[in-house]
Amino acid sequence: MQKRNGFTLIEILIAIFILATVLTTVYAAYTGTFRIVKDTRRGDNIYSMARTAMNRMAKDMESVCGYRNSFKFASGKNEDFMELSFLSSAHLNFDDERSSGIAVISYFVMEDDEKDGCILKRKDELYRGKAEEAKEEVSRDGGHILCEGLQSLIYKFYDDSGEEYDSWDSESDSKTQNDNVPSVVSIQMDFINPDDRDRPYRFMTKVFLPTAGRLEG
């Protein structure tokens, strides 16, 4: 009688263990690759938003100007975020490209009802002078989104001598700030990192304002 060859239970268990080990390794490498791709794509999106927002803010501030021998440049705070409002010749009108003039440009932050974090908005309105001067508190009606997923936004202001200020108000009684704009504004943006809230995506830049201290009377 011919003897039939087969696998023992131990051999089958060993084969199953080896197969499970191989599949686990392949799956870990597969999911790890996709996680890296996802993180890279998210980082690229955040970098693109931060670069676009900071470039726009730099152009606005570099075009800061006075109106009838007077500057308007003021920071304020709403909850955890600082707001900024100033006169600039960098007016944008998406309805009529031929429109130009001095505008009140404002930056303010609002909570995002649909996504995690906050959104930074830019508001741009033509300036009509003291008779129609913008209200002291920035209106949150309208405006265009510069970026989203924001965790914090910090401004620092520097005068001609390099002294640092946490706020700026061209209508204050301060000899340095009254009817003047800062020489340099530093901007720090932190974007939410969903994997570690204590280690946000951080971007920083400094904007030099060429008209600081040069208002012609």
Protein backbone atom coordinates (compact mmCIF):
# COMPACT_ATOMS: atom_id res chain seq x y z
CA MET A 1 0.00 0.00 0.00
CA GLN A 2 1.42 3.38 -1.04
CA LYS A 3 2.04 5.86 1.78
CA ARG A 4 0.34 9.30 1.35
CA ASN A 5 2.47 12.37 2.17
CA GLY A 6 0.87 15.49 3.75
CA PHE A 7 1.48 18.44 6.06
CA THR A 8 1.43 18.16 9.76
CA LEU A 9 -0.53 20.60 11.93
CA ILE A 10 2.69 22.23 13.11
CA GLU A 11 3.85 22.83 9.54
CA ILE A 12 0.51 24.38 8.65
CA LEU A 13 0.66 26.67 11.69
CA ILE A 14 4.21 27.71 10.83
CA ALA A 15 3.18 28.49 7.26
CA ILE A 16 0.22 30.56 8.48
CA PHE A 17 2.50 32.46 10.88
CA ILE A 18 5.01 33.22 8.11
CA LEU A 19 2.22 34.37 5.77
CA ALA A 20 0.72 36.59 8.48
CA THR A 21 4.14 38.12 9.16
CA VAL A 22 4.70 38.88 5.47
CA LEU A 23 1.23 40.36 5.04
CA THR A 24 1.66 42.50 8.18
CA THR A 25 4.99 43.82 6.90
CA VAL A 26 3.55 44.60 3.46
CA TYR A 27 0.50 46.29 4.99
CA ALA A 28 2.63 48.39 7.34
CA ALA A 29 4.82 49.52 4.44
CA TYR A 30 1.74 50.22 2.33
CA THR A 31 -0.06 52.30 4.97
CA GLY A 32 3.20 54.03 5.95
CA THR A 33 3.78 55.13 2.37
CA PHE A 34 0.28 56.53 2.09
CA ARG A 35 0.67 58.31 5.43
CA ILE A 36 3.87 59.93 4.20
CA VAL A 37 2.18 60.98 0.96
CA LYS A 38 -0.78 62.38 2.91
CA ASP A 39 1.45 64.31 5.32
CA THR A 40 3.55 65.66 2.46
CA ARG A 41 0.48 66.78 0.54
CA ARG A 42 -0.95 68.46 3.64
CA GLY A 43 2.35 70.22 4.32
CA ASP A 44 2.50 71.42 0.71
CA ASN A 45 -1.04 72.80 0.92
CA ILE A 46 -0.27 74.65 4.14
CA TYR A 47 2.99 76.01 2.75
CA SER A 48 1.17 77.24 -0.35
CA MET A 49 -1.52 78.96 1.74
CA ALA A 50 1.05 80.59 4.03
CA ARG A 51 3.17 81.81 1.12
CA THR A 52 0.16 83.25 -0.71
CA ALA A 53 -1.18 84.97 2.41
CA MET A 54 2.16 86.43 3.43
CA ASN A 55 2.92 87.65 -0.09
CA ARG A 56 -0.42 89.44 -0.20
CA MET A 57 0.10 90.97 3.23
CA ALA A 58 3.61 92.08 2.28
CA LYS A 59 2.35 93.83 -0.87
CA ASP A 60 -0.40 95.54 1.12
CA MET A 61 1.96 96.80 3.82
CA GLU A 62 4.70 97.82 1.41
CA SER A 63 2.09 100.05 -0.27
CA VAL A 64 1.00 101.70 2.99
CA CYS A 65 0.36 105.42 2.46
CA GLY A 66 -1.04 108.56 4.01
CA TYR A 67 -4.15 110.53 3.18
CA ARG A 68 -4.06 114.33 3.27
CA ASN A 69 -0.92 114.42 5.40
CA SER A 70 -2.20 111.81 7.82
CA PHE A 71 -1.46 108.12 8.40
CA LYS A 72 -3.91 105.49 9.58
CA PHE A 73 -2.33 102.31 10.93
CA ALA A 74 -3.86 100.55 13.93
CA SER A 75 -3.84 97.14 15.55
CA GLY A 76 -6.53 95.81 17.83
CA LYS A 77 -7.38 92.54 19.53
CA ASN A 78 -10.44 90.37 19.24
CA GLU A 79 -10.42 87.42 21.65
CA ASP A 80 -7.16 85.53 20.98
CA PHE A 81 -6.27 87.17 17.67
CA MET A 82 -4.92 90.57 16.72
CA GLU A 83 -6.56 92.60 13.98
CA LEU A 84 -4.84 95.08 11.72
CA SER A 85 -6.18 98.02 9.70
CA PHE A 86 -4.27 100.57 7.62
CA LEU A 87 -4.37 102.79 4.56
CA SER A 88 -2.74 101.37 1.46
CA SER A 89 -2.58 102.01 -2.27
CA ALA A 90 -2.73 98.25 -2.93
CA HIS A 91 -6.49 98.33 -3.55
CA LEU A 92 -7.97 95.28 -5.28
CA ASN A 93 -11.34 95.35 -6.97
CA PHE A 94 -12.45 92.04 -8.44
CA ASP A 95 -15.54 93.62 -10.02
CA ASP A 96 -13.77 96.39 -11.89
CA GLU A 97 -10.04 96.04 -12.63
CA ARG A 98 -9.82 99.72 -13.57
CA SER A 99 -10.80 100.84 -10.08
CA SER A 100 -7.90 102.21 -8.05
CA GLY A 101 -7.22 104.48 -5.12
CA ILE A 102 -6.37 104.51 -1.44
CA ALA A 103 -8.10 101.79 0.53
CA VAL A 104 -8.61 100.74 4.12
CA ILE A 105 -7.18 97.22 4.23
CA SER A 106 -8.09 95.11 7.25
CA TYR A 107 -7.03 91.66 8.41
CA PHE A 108 -9.17 89.77 10.89
CA VAL A 109 -9.58 86.18 12.04
CA MET A 110 -12.82 84.23 12.36
CA GLU A 111 -13.66 80.73 13.55
CA ASP A 112 -14.19 78.19 10.79
CA ASP A 113 -17.60 76.56 11.25
CA GLU A 114 -16.83 73.75 8.83
CA LYS A 115 -13.20 72.88 9.52
CA ASP A 116 -10.78 72.79 12.42
CA GLY A 117 -9.01 76.06 13.20
CA CYS A 118 -9.70 79.61 12.07
CA ILE A 119 -9.66 81.56 8.83
CA LEU A 120 -7.80 84.78 8.08
CA LYS A 121 -9.79 87.27 6.02
CA ARG A 122 -8.73 90.38 4.13
CA LYS A 123 -11.12 93.27 3.66
CA ASP A 124 -10.44 96.04 1.16
CA GLU A 125 -12.60 99.18 0.96
CA LEU A 126 -11.87 102.46 -0.80
CA TYR A 127 -11.13 105.23 1.69
CA ARG A 128 -13.29 108.34 1.46
CA GLY A 129 -11.67 110.41 4.19
CA LYS A 130 -12.64 111.34 7.71
CA ALA A 131 -16.30 111.80 6.83
CA GLU A 132 -16.63 108.11 5.97
CA GLU A 133 -13.79 106.73 8.05
CA ALA A 134 -13.94 103.07 8.94
CA LYS A 135 -15.27 102.24 12.37
CA GLU A 136 -12.78 101.56 15.13
CA GLU A 137 -13.95 97.95 15.37
CA VAL A 138 -13.32 95.95 12.22
CA SER A 139 -16.53 94.83 10.52
CA ARG A 140 -16.63 91.13 9.74
CA ASP A 141 -19.06 91.46 6.88
CA GLY A 142 -17.54 90.49 3.55
CA GLY A 143 -13.86 90.18 2.88
CA HIS A 144 -11.91 87.42 1.16
CA ILE A 145 -10.27 84.40 2.77
CA LEU A 146 -6.47 84.46 2.73
CA CYS A 147 -5.90 81.15 4.50
CA GLU A 148 -7.59 78.59 6.74
CA GLY A 149 -6.59 76.10 9.41
CA LEU A 150 -4.97 78.92 11.38
CA GLN A 151 -4.01 78.26 15.00
CA SER A 152 -2.41 81.59 15.89
CA LEU A 153 -1.36 84.87 14.25
CA ILE A 154 1.15 87.20 15.90
CA TYR A 155 2.29 90.64 14.77
CA LYS A 156 5.26 92.56 16.11
CA PHE A 157 5.95 96.19 15.24
CA TYR A 158 9.31 97.99 15.12
CA ASP A 159 10.06 101.70 14.90
CA ASP A 160 13.00 103.39 13.13
CA SER A 161 15.34 102.65 16.03
CA GLY A 162 14.43 98.96 16.09
CA GLU A 163 12.39 99.08 19.29
CA GLU A 164 9.71 96.39 19.43
CA TYR A 165 6.02 96.98 20.15
CA ASP A 166 3.18 94.51 20.69
CA SER A 167 0.66 96.94 19.21
CA TRP A 168 0.54 100.07 17.06
CA ASP A 169 -1.89 102.99 16.83
CA SER A 170 -1.19 105.98 14.61
CA GLU A 171 -3.88 107.95 16.48
CA SER A 172 -2.35 107.39 19.93
CA ASP A 173 -0.52 110.04 21.97
CA SER A 174 2.75 108.17 21.61
CA LYS A 175 5.43 110.36 20.06
CA THR A 176 6.74 107.39 18.09
CA GLN A 177 3.42 106.08 16.85
CA ASN A 178 1.31 109.20 16.47
CA ASP A 179 0.59 109.89 12.80
CA ASN A 180 3.19 107.33 11.79
CA VAL A 181 3.52 103.71 10.70
CA PRO A 182 6.03 101.12 11.92
CA SER A 183 9.26 100.65 10.01
CA VAL A 184 9.00 96.87 10.14
CA VAL A 185 6.14 94.47 10.83
CA SER A 186 6.92 90.84 11.65
CA ILE A 187 4.25 88.22 11.00
CA GLN A 188 4.12 84.78 12.56
CA MET A 189 1.49 82.28 11.42
CA ASP A 190 0.89 78.93 13.09
CA PHE A 191 -1.25 76.37 11.28
CA ILE A 192 -2.85 73.42 13.02
CA ASN A 193 -0.95 70.13 12.92
CA PRO A 194 -3.64 67.46 13.45
CA ASP A 195 -0.99 64.94 14.48
CA ASP A 196 0.46 67.14 17.23
CA ARG A 197 -1.31 70.33 18.30
CA ASP A 198 1.76 71.39 20.30
CA ARG A 199 3.91 71.40 17.17
CA PRO A 200 2.05 73.51 14.60
CA TYR A 201 3.29 74.39 11.13
CA ARG A 202 5.03 77.72 11.70
CA PHE A 203 5.84 80.43 9.15
CA MET A 204 7.45 83.81 9.77
CA THR A 205 8.34 86.85 7.70
CA LYS A 206 9.19 90.53 8.11
CA VAL A 207 7.80 93.37 6.02
CA PHE A 208 9.67 96.66 5.62
CA LEU A 209 7.42 99.69 5.23
CA PRO A 210 9.24 102.25 3.03
CA THR A 211 7.03 105.20 4.06
CA ALA A 212 7.66 104.89 7.81
CA GLY A 213 8.60 108.26 9.26
CA ARG A 214 8.56 109.87 5.82
CA LEU A 215 5.18 111.55 5.68
CA GLU A 216 5.51 114.79 3.79
CA GLY A 217 3.59 117.59 5.42
